[in-house]
Amino acid sequence: MKKIVAIFKTSVGRSQTWSYADPGEGKSTEEIRGILERFTLLHLFEKDGEKLFNEVVSAKYVETVETIIF
């Protein structure tokens, strides 16, 4: 299974991780960054006055390989 994992900085400088499973293929680096930048414009994700998605730091694809044992 493949997913996108993005790291954001919160408004107080802490690290916040966000992931999305089965993102599909075909988006360019610029398109993905643009989509993640939109999270920083939303004020929906706050906890105790801290904006959780204040700045995009990085993003990567993570692929998990499962091996059935029995």
PDB file of N, CA and C in Angstrom:
ATOM      1  N   MET A   1       0.841  -1.178   0.000  1.00  0.00           N
ATOM      2  CA  MET A   1       0.000   0.000   0.000  1.00  0.00           C
ATOM      3  C   MET A   1       0.887   1.242   0.000  1.00  0.00           C
ATOM      4  N   LYS A   2       0.527   2.208  -0.793  1.00  0.00           N
ATOM      5  CA  LYS A   2       1.279   3.458  -0.903  1.00  0.00           C
ATOM      6  C   LYS A   2       0.474   4.582  -0.270  1.00  0.00           C
ATOM      7  N   LYS A   3       1.168   5.497   0.424  1.00  0.00           N
ATOM      8  CA  LYS A   3       0.499   6.664   0.983  1.00  0.00           C
ATOM      9  C   LYS A   3       1.441   7.860   0.930  1.00  0.00           C
ATOM     10  N   ILE A   4       0.846   9.041   1.036  1.00  0.00           N
ATOM     11  CA  ILE A   4       1.632  10.274   1.157  1.00  0.00           C
ATOM     12  C   ILE A   4       1.701  10.605   2.638  1.00  0.00           C
ATOM     13  N   VAL A   5       2.898  10.923   3.110  1.00  0.00           N
ATOM     14  CA  VAL A   5       3.090  11.358   4.487  1.00  0.00           C
ATOM     15  C   VAL A   5       3.706  12.753   4.433  1.00  0.00           C
ATOM     16  N   ALA A   6       3.021  13.699   5.037  1.00  0.00           N
ATOM     17  CA  ALA A   6       3.494  15.088   5.038  1.00  0.00           C
ATOM     18  C   ALA A   6       3.782  15.530   6.462  1.00  0.00           C
ATOM     19  N   ILE A   7       4.823  16.339   6.594  1.00  0.00           N
ATOM     20  CA  ILE A   7       5.191  16.910   7.884  1.00  0.00           C
ATOM     21  C   ILE A   7       4.922  18.411   7.816  1.00  0.00           C
ATOM     22  N   PHE A   8       4.217  18.904   8.819  1.00  0.00           N
ATOM     23  CA  PHE A   8       3.907  20.321   8.938  1.00  0.00           C
ATOM     24  C   PHE A   8       4.513  20.849  10.231  1.00  0.00           C
ATOM     25  N   LYS A   9       4.700  22.153  10.297  1.00  0.00           N
ATOM     26  CA  LYS A   9       5.039  22.827  11.547  1.00  0.00           C
ATOM     27  C   LYS A   9       3.772  23.465  12.077  1.00  0.00           C
ATOM     28  N   THR A  10       3.557  23.364  13.383  1.00  0.00           N
ATOM     29  CA  THR A  10       2.408  24.020  13.996  1.00  0.00           C
ATOM     30  C   THR A  10       2.753  25.488  14.249  1.00  0.00           C
ATOM     31  N   SER A  11       1.781  26.246  14.697  1.00  0.00           N
ATOM     32  CA  SER A  11       2.009  27.674  14.957  1.00  0.00           C
ATOM     33  C   SER A  11       2.967  27.918  16.113  1.00  0.00           C
ATOM     34  N   VAL A  12       3.215  26.896  16.938  1.00  0.00           N
ATOM     35  CA  VAL A  12       4.184  27.053  18.024  1.00  0.00           C
ATOM     36  C   VAL A  12       5.479  26.286  17.746  1.00  0.00           C
ATOM     37  N   GLY A  13       5.662  25.822  16.491  1.00  0.00           N
ATOM     38  CA  GLY A  13       6.923  25.215  16.081  1.00  0.00           C
ATOM     39  C   GLY A  13       7.050  23.714  16.263  1.00  0.00           C
ATOM     40  N   ARG A  14       5.998  23.075  16.702  1.00  0.00           N
ATOM     41  CA  ARG A  14       6.055  21.613  16.838  1.00  0.00           C
ATOM     42  C   ARG A  14       5.801  20.934  15.499  1.00  0.00           C
ATOM     43  N   SER A  15       6.118  19.660  15.435  1.00  0.00           N
ATOM     44  CA  SER A  15       5.936  18.870  14.229  1.00  0.00           C
ATOM     45  C   SER A  15       4.573  18.195  14.241  1.00  0.00           C
ATOM     46  N   GLN A  16       3.882  18.213  13.097  1.00  0.00           N
ATOM     47  CA  GLN A  16       2.572  17.581  12.942  1.00  0.00           C
ATOM     48  C   GLN A  16       2.622  16.724  11.682  1.00  0.00           C
ATOM     49  N   THR A  17       2.257  15.452  11.794  1.00  0.00           N
ATOM     50  CA  THR A  17       2.271  14.529  10.659  1.00  0.00           C
ATOM     51  C   THR A  17       0.858  14.302  10.158  1.00  0.00           C
ATOM     52  N   TRP A  18       0.727  14.242   8.833  1.00  0.00           N
ATOM     53  CA  TRP A  18      -0.549  13.964   8.181  1.00  0.00           C
ATOM     54  C   TRP A  18      -0.290  12.954   7.081  1.00  0.00           C
ATOM     55  N   SER A  19      -1.182  11.980   6.908  1.00  0.00           N
ATOM     56  CA  SER A  19      -0.999  11.000   5.835  1.00  0.00           C
ATOM     57  C   SER A  19      -2.312  10.751   5.107  1.00  0.00           C
ATOM     58  N   TYR A  20      -2.167  10.299   3.861  1.00  0.00           N
ATOM     59  CA  TYR A  20      -3.320  10.009   3.014  1.00  0.00           C
ATOM     60  C   TYR A  20      -3.034   8.718   2.261  1.00  0.00           C
ATOM     61  N   ALA A  21      -3.874   7.710   2.462  1.00  0.00           N
ATOM     62  CA  ALA A  21      -3.693   6.406   1.827  1.00  0.00           C
ATOM     63  C   ALA A  21      -4.185   6.415   0.386  1.00  0.00           C
ATOM     64  N   ASP A  22      -3.540   5.620  -0.441  1.00  0.00           N
ATOM     65  CA  ASP A  22      -3.881   5.456  -1.860  1.00  0.00           C
ATOM     66  C   ASP A  22      -4.044   6.787  -2.587  1.00  0.00           C
ATOM     67  N   PRO A  23      -2.986   7.584  -2.658  1.00  0.00           N
ATOM     68  CA  PRO A  23      -3.099   8.916  -3.253  1.00  0.00           C
ATOM     69  C   PRO A  23      -3.229   8.917  -4.770  1.00  0.00           C
ATOM     70  N   GLY A  24      -3.005   7.790  -5.412  1.00  0.00           N
ATOM     71  CA  GLY A  24      -3.052   7.753  -6.867  1.00  0.00           C
ATOM     72  C   GLY A  24      -1.731   8.217  -7.456  1.00  0.00           C
ATOM     73  N   GLU A  25      -1.657   8.222  -8.743  1.00  0.00           N
ATOM     74  CA  GLU A  25      -0.430   8.601  -9.446  1.00  0.00           C
ATOM     75  C   GLU A  25      -0.725   9.774 -10.373  1.00  0.00           C
ATOM     76  N   GLY A  26       0.331  10.391 -10.850  1.00  0.00           N
ATOM     77  CA  GLY A  26       0.164  11.396 -11.884  1.00  0.00           C
ATOM     78  C   GLY A  26       0.242  12.838 -11.433  1.00  0.00           C
ATOM     79  N   LYS A  27       0.305  13.100 -10.159  1.00  0.00           N
ATOM     80  CA  LYS A  27       0.433  14.487  -9.696  1.00  0.00           C
ATOM     81  C   LYS A  27       1.912  14.864  -9.650  1.00  0.00           C
ATOM     82  N   SER A  28       2.205  16.056 -10.087  1.00  0.00           N
ATOM     83  CA  SER A  28       3.585  16.548 -10.038  1.00  0.00           C
ATOM     84  C   SER A  28       3.932  17.013  -8.635  1.00  0.00           C
ATOM     85  N   THR A  29       5.198  17.209  -8.392  1.00  0.00           N
ATOM     86  CA  THR A  29       5.670  17.706  -7.097  1.00  0.00           C
ATOM     87  C   THR A  29       5.024  19.041  -6.767  1.00  0.00           C
ATOM     88  N   GLU A  30       4.910  19.916  -7.755  1.00  0.00           N
ATOM     89  CA  GLU A  30       4.323  21.226  -7.545  1.00  0.00           C
ATOM     90  C   GLU A  30       2.844  21.128  -7.182  1.00  0.00           C
ATOM     91  N   GLU A  31       2.123  20.200  -7.844  1.00  0.00           N
ATOM     92  CA  GLU A  31       0.704  20.021  -7.537  1.00  0.00           C
ATOM     93  C   GLU A  31       0.505  19.516  -6.110  1.00  0.00           C
ATOM     94  N   ILE A  32       1.311  18.558  -5.700  1.00  0.00           N
ATOM     95  CA  ILE A  32       1.202  18.017  -4.345  1.00  0.00           C
ATOM     96  C   ILE A  32       1.520  19.096  -3.323  1.00  0.00           C
ATOM     97  N   ARG A  33       2.590  19.840  -3.551  1.00  0.00           N
ATOM     98  CA  ARG A  33       2.947  20.913  -2.616  1.00  0.00           C
ATOM     99  C   ARG A  33       1.818  21.953  -2.536  1.00  0.00           C
ATOM    100  N   GLY A  34       1.242  22.303  -3.684  1.00  0.00           N
ATOM    101  CA  GLY A  34       0.143  23.266  -3.710  1.00  0.00           C
ATOM    102  C   GLY A  34      -1.062  22.800  -2.910  1.00  0.00           C
ATOM    103  N   ILE A  35      -1.392  21.511  -3.033  1.00  0.00           N
ATOM    104  CA  ILE A  35      -2.510  20.953  -2.279  1.00  0.00           C
ATOM    105  C   ILE A  35      -2.219  21.012  -0.786  1.00  0.00           C
ATOM    106  N   LEU A  36      -1.003  20.640  -0.402  1.00  0.00           N
ATOM    107  CA  LEU A  36      -0.635  20.666   1.016  1.00  0.00           C
ATOM    108  C   LEU A  36      -0.573  22.095   1.555  1.00  0.00           C
ATOM    109  N   GLU A  37      -0.177  23.039   0.721  1.00  0.00           N
ATOM    110  CA  GLU A  37      -0.138  24.451   1.134  1.00  0.00           C
ATOM    111  C   GLU A  37      -1.542  24.961   1.461  1.00  0.00           C
ATOM    112  N   ARG A  38      -2.558  24.411   0.807  1.00  0.00           N
ATOM    113  CA  ARG A  38      -3.937  24.824   1.084  1.00  0.00           C
ATOM    114  C   ARG A  38      -4.341  24.492   2.520  1.00  0.00           C
ATOM    115  N   PHE A  39      -3.767  23.431   3.072  1.00  0.00           N
ATOM    116  CA  PHE A  39      -4.050  23.096   4.472  1.00  0.00           C
ATOM    117  C   PHE A  39      -3.655  24.246   5.389  1.00  0.00           C
ATOM    118  N   THR A  40      -2.590  24.947   5.040  1.00  0.00           N
ATOM    119  CA  THR A  40      -2.104  26.031   5.901  1.00  0.00           C
ATOM    120  C   THR A  40      -3.045  27.235   5.883  1.00  0.00           C
ATOM    121  N   LEU A  41      -3.916  27.314   4.883  1.00  0.00           N
ATOM    122  CA  LEU A  41      -4.854  28.433   4.781  1.00  0.00           C
ATOM    123  C   LEU A  41      -6.141  28.186   5.563  1.00  0.00           C
ATOM    124  N   LEU A  42      -6.383  26.944   5.915  1.00  0.00           N
ATOM    125  CA  LEU A  42      -7.598  26.584   6.641  1.00  0.00           C
ATOM    126  C   LEU A  42      -7.408  26.778   8.137  1.00  0.00           C
ATOM    127  N   HIS A  43      -8.447  27.205   8.787  1.00  0.00           N
ATOM    128  CA  HIS A  43      -8.399  27.369  10.236  1.00  0.00           C
ATOM    129  C   HIS A  43      -9.290  26.328  10.919  1.00  0.00           C
ATOM    130  N   LEU A  44      -9.431  25.175  10.267  1.00  0.00           N
ATOM    131  CA  LEU A  44     -10.251  24.096  10.804  1.00  0.00           C
ATOM    132  C   LEU A  44      -9.472  23.214  11.775  1.00  0.00           C
ATOM    133  N   PHE A  45      -8.160  23.201  11.620  1.00  0.00           N
ATOM    134  CA  PHE A  45      -7.329  22.280  12.369  1.00  0.00           C
ATOM    135  C   PHE A  45      -6.569  23.014  13.464  1.00  0.00           C
ATOM    136  N   GLU A  46      -7.228  23.217  14.578  1.00  0.00           N
ATOM    137  CA  GLU A  46      -6.619  23.888  15.722  1.00  0.00           C
ATOM    138  C   GLU A  46      -6.883  23.073  16.975  1.00  0.00           C
ATOM    139  N   LYS A  47      -5.946  23.119  17.896  1.00  0.00           N
ATOM    140  CA  LYS A  47      -6.103  22.429  19.168  1.00  0.00           C
ATOM    141  C   LYS A  47      -5.540  23.316  20.260  1.00  0.00           C
ATOM    142  N   ASP A  48      -6.378  23.676  21.210  1.00  0.00           N
ATOM    143  CA  ASP A  48      -5.975  24.534  22.322  1.00  0.00           C
ATOM    144  C   ASP A  48      -5.319  25.835  21.833  1.00  0.00           C
ATOM    145  N   GLY A  49      -5.874  26.413  20.767  1.00  0.00           N
ATOM    146  CA  GLY A  49      -5.359  27.663  20.224  1.00  0.00           C
ATOM    147  C   GLY A  49      -4.142  27.523  19.333  1.00  0.00           C
ATOM    148  N   GLU A  50      -3.668  26.307  19.122  1.00  0.00           N
ATOM    149  CA  GLU A  50      -2.488  26.058  18.278  1.00  0.00           C
ATOM    150  C   GLU A  50      -2.934  25.618  16.898  1.00  0.00           C
ATOM    151  N   LYS A  51      -2.501  26.320  15.864  1.00  0.00           N
ATOM    152  CA  LYS A  51      -2.816  25.949  14.490  1.00  0.00           C
ATOM    153  C   LYS A  51      -1.931  24.761  14.117  1.00  0.00           C
ATOM    154  N   LEU A  52      -2.553  23.613  13.791  1.00  0.00           N
ATOM    155  CA  LEU A  52      -1.799  22.381  13.596  1.00  0.00           C
ATOM    156  C   LEU A  52      -1.070  22.308  12.262  1.00  0.00           C
ATOM    157  N   PHE A  53      -1.589  22.942  11.226  1.00  0.00           N
ATOM    158  CA  PHE A  53      -0.967  22.902   9.905  1.00  0.00           C
ATOM    159  C   PHE A  53      -0.575  24.313   9.491  1.00  0.00           C
ATOM    160  N   ASN A  54       0.449  24.841  10.109  1.00  0.00           N
ATOM    161  CA  ASN A  54       0.858  26.217   9.884  1.00  0.00           C
ATOM    162  C   ASN A  54       1.809  26.360   8.700  1.00  0.00           C
ATOM    163  N   GLU A  55       2.700  25.387   8.499  1.00  0.00           N
ATOM    164  CA  GLU A  55       3.709  25.466   7.435  1.00  0.00           C
ATOM    165  C   GLU A  55       4.068  24.067   6.964  1.00  0.00           C
ATOM    166  N   VAL A  56       4.116  23.868   5.635  1.00  0.00           N
ATOM    167  CA  VAL A  56       4.523  22.570   5.081  1.00  0.00           C
ATOM    168  C   VAL A  56       6.039  22.462   5.166  1.00  0.00           C
ATOM    169  N   VAL A  57       6.518  21.363   5.727  1.00  0.00           N
ATOM    170  CA  VAL A  57       7.956  21.138   5.851  1.00  0.00           C
ATOM    171  C   VAL A  57       8.432  20.146   4.798  1.00  0.00           C
ATOM    172  N   SER A  58       7.740  19.011   4.665  1.00  0.00           N
ATOM    173  CA  SER A  58       8.153  17.992   3.703  1.00  0.00           C
ATOM    174  C   SER A  58       7.003  17.054   3.393  1.00  0.00           C
ATOM    175  N   ALA A  59       7.178  16.281   2.336  1.00  0.00           N
ATOM    176  CA  ALA A  59       6.203  15.248   1.974  1.00  0.00           C
ATOM    177  C   ALA A  59       6.949  14.123   1.271  1.00  0.00           C
ATOM    178  N   LYS A  60       6.441  12.920   1.455  1.00  0.00           N
ATOM    179  CA  LYS A  60       7.073  11.767   0.811  1.00  0.00           C
ATOM    180  C   LYS A  60       6.032  10.681   0.589  1.00  0.00           C
ATOM    181  N   TYR A  61       6.326   9.803  -0.371  1.00  0.00           N
ATOM    182  CA  TYR A  61       5.531   8.609  -0.559  1.00  0.00           C
ATOM    183  C   TYR A  61       6.120   7.528   0.347  1.00  0.00           C
ATOM    184  N   VAL A  62       5.251   6.800   1.015  1.00  0.00           N
ATOM    185  CA  VAL A  62       5.672   5.676   1.844  1.00  0.00           C
ATOM    186  C   VAL A  62       4.924   4.458   1.337  1.00  0.00           C
ATOM    187  N   GLU A  63       5.666   3.410   1.032  1.00  0.00           N
ATOM    188  CA  GLU A  63       5.055   2.186   0.537  1.00  0.00           C
ATOM    189  C   GLU A  63       5.307   1.069   1.538  1.00  0.00           C
ATOM    190  N   THR A  64       4.235   0.404   1.940  1.00  0.00           N
ATOM    191  CA  THR A  64       4.319  -0.681   2.901  1.00  0.00           C
ATOM    192  C   THR A  64       4.168  -2.002   2.165  1.00  0.00           C
ATOM    193  N   VAL A  65       5.091  -2.916   2.429  1.00  0.00           N
ATOM    194  CA  VAL A  65       5.031  -4.240   1.845  1.00  0.00           C
ATOM    195  C   VAL A  65       4.660  -5.228   2.952  1.00  0.00           C
ATOM    196  N   GLU A  66       3.568  -5.931   2.762  1.00  0.00           N
ATOM    197  CA  GLU A  66       3.128  -6.914   3.730  1.00  0.00           C
ATOM    198  C   GLU A  66       3.476  -8.295   3.219  1.00  0.00           C
ATOM    199  N   THR A  67       4.045  -9.109   4.090  1.00  0.00           N
ATOM    200  CA  THR A  67       4.387 -10.481   3.768  1.00  0.00           C
ATOM    201  C   THR A  67       3.594 -11.405   4.685  1.00  0.00           C
ATOM    202  N   ILE A  68       2.760 -12.212   4.105  1.00  0.00           N
ATOM    203  CA  ILE A  68       1.930 -13.130   4.877  1.00  0.00           C
ATOM    204  C   ILE A  68       2.808 -14.264   5.398  1.00  0.00           C
ATOM    205  N   ILE A  69       2.706 -14.515   6.670  1.00  0.00           N
ATOM    206  CA  ILE A  69       3.487 -15.580   7.283  1.00  0.00           C
ATOM    207  C   ILE A  69       2.704 -16.887   7.262  1.00  0.00           C
ATOM    208  N   PHE A  70       1.451 -16.850   7.609  1.00  0.00           N
ATOM    209  CA  PHE A  70       0.584 -18.029   7.516  1.00  0.00           C
ATOM    210  C   PHE A  70      -0.845 -17.594   7.384  1.00  0.00           C
TER     211      PHE A  70
END
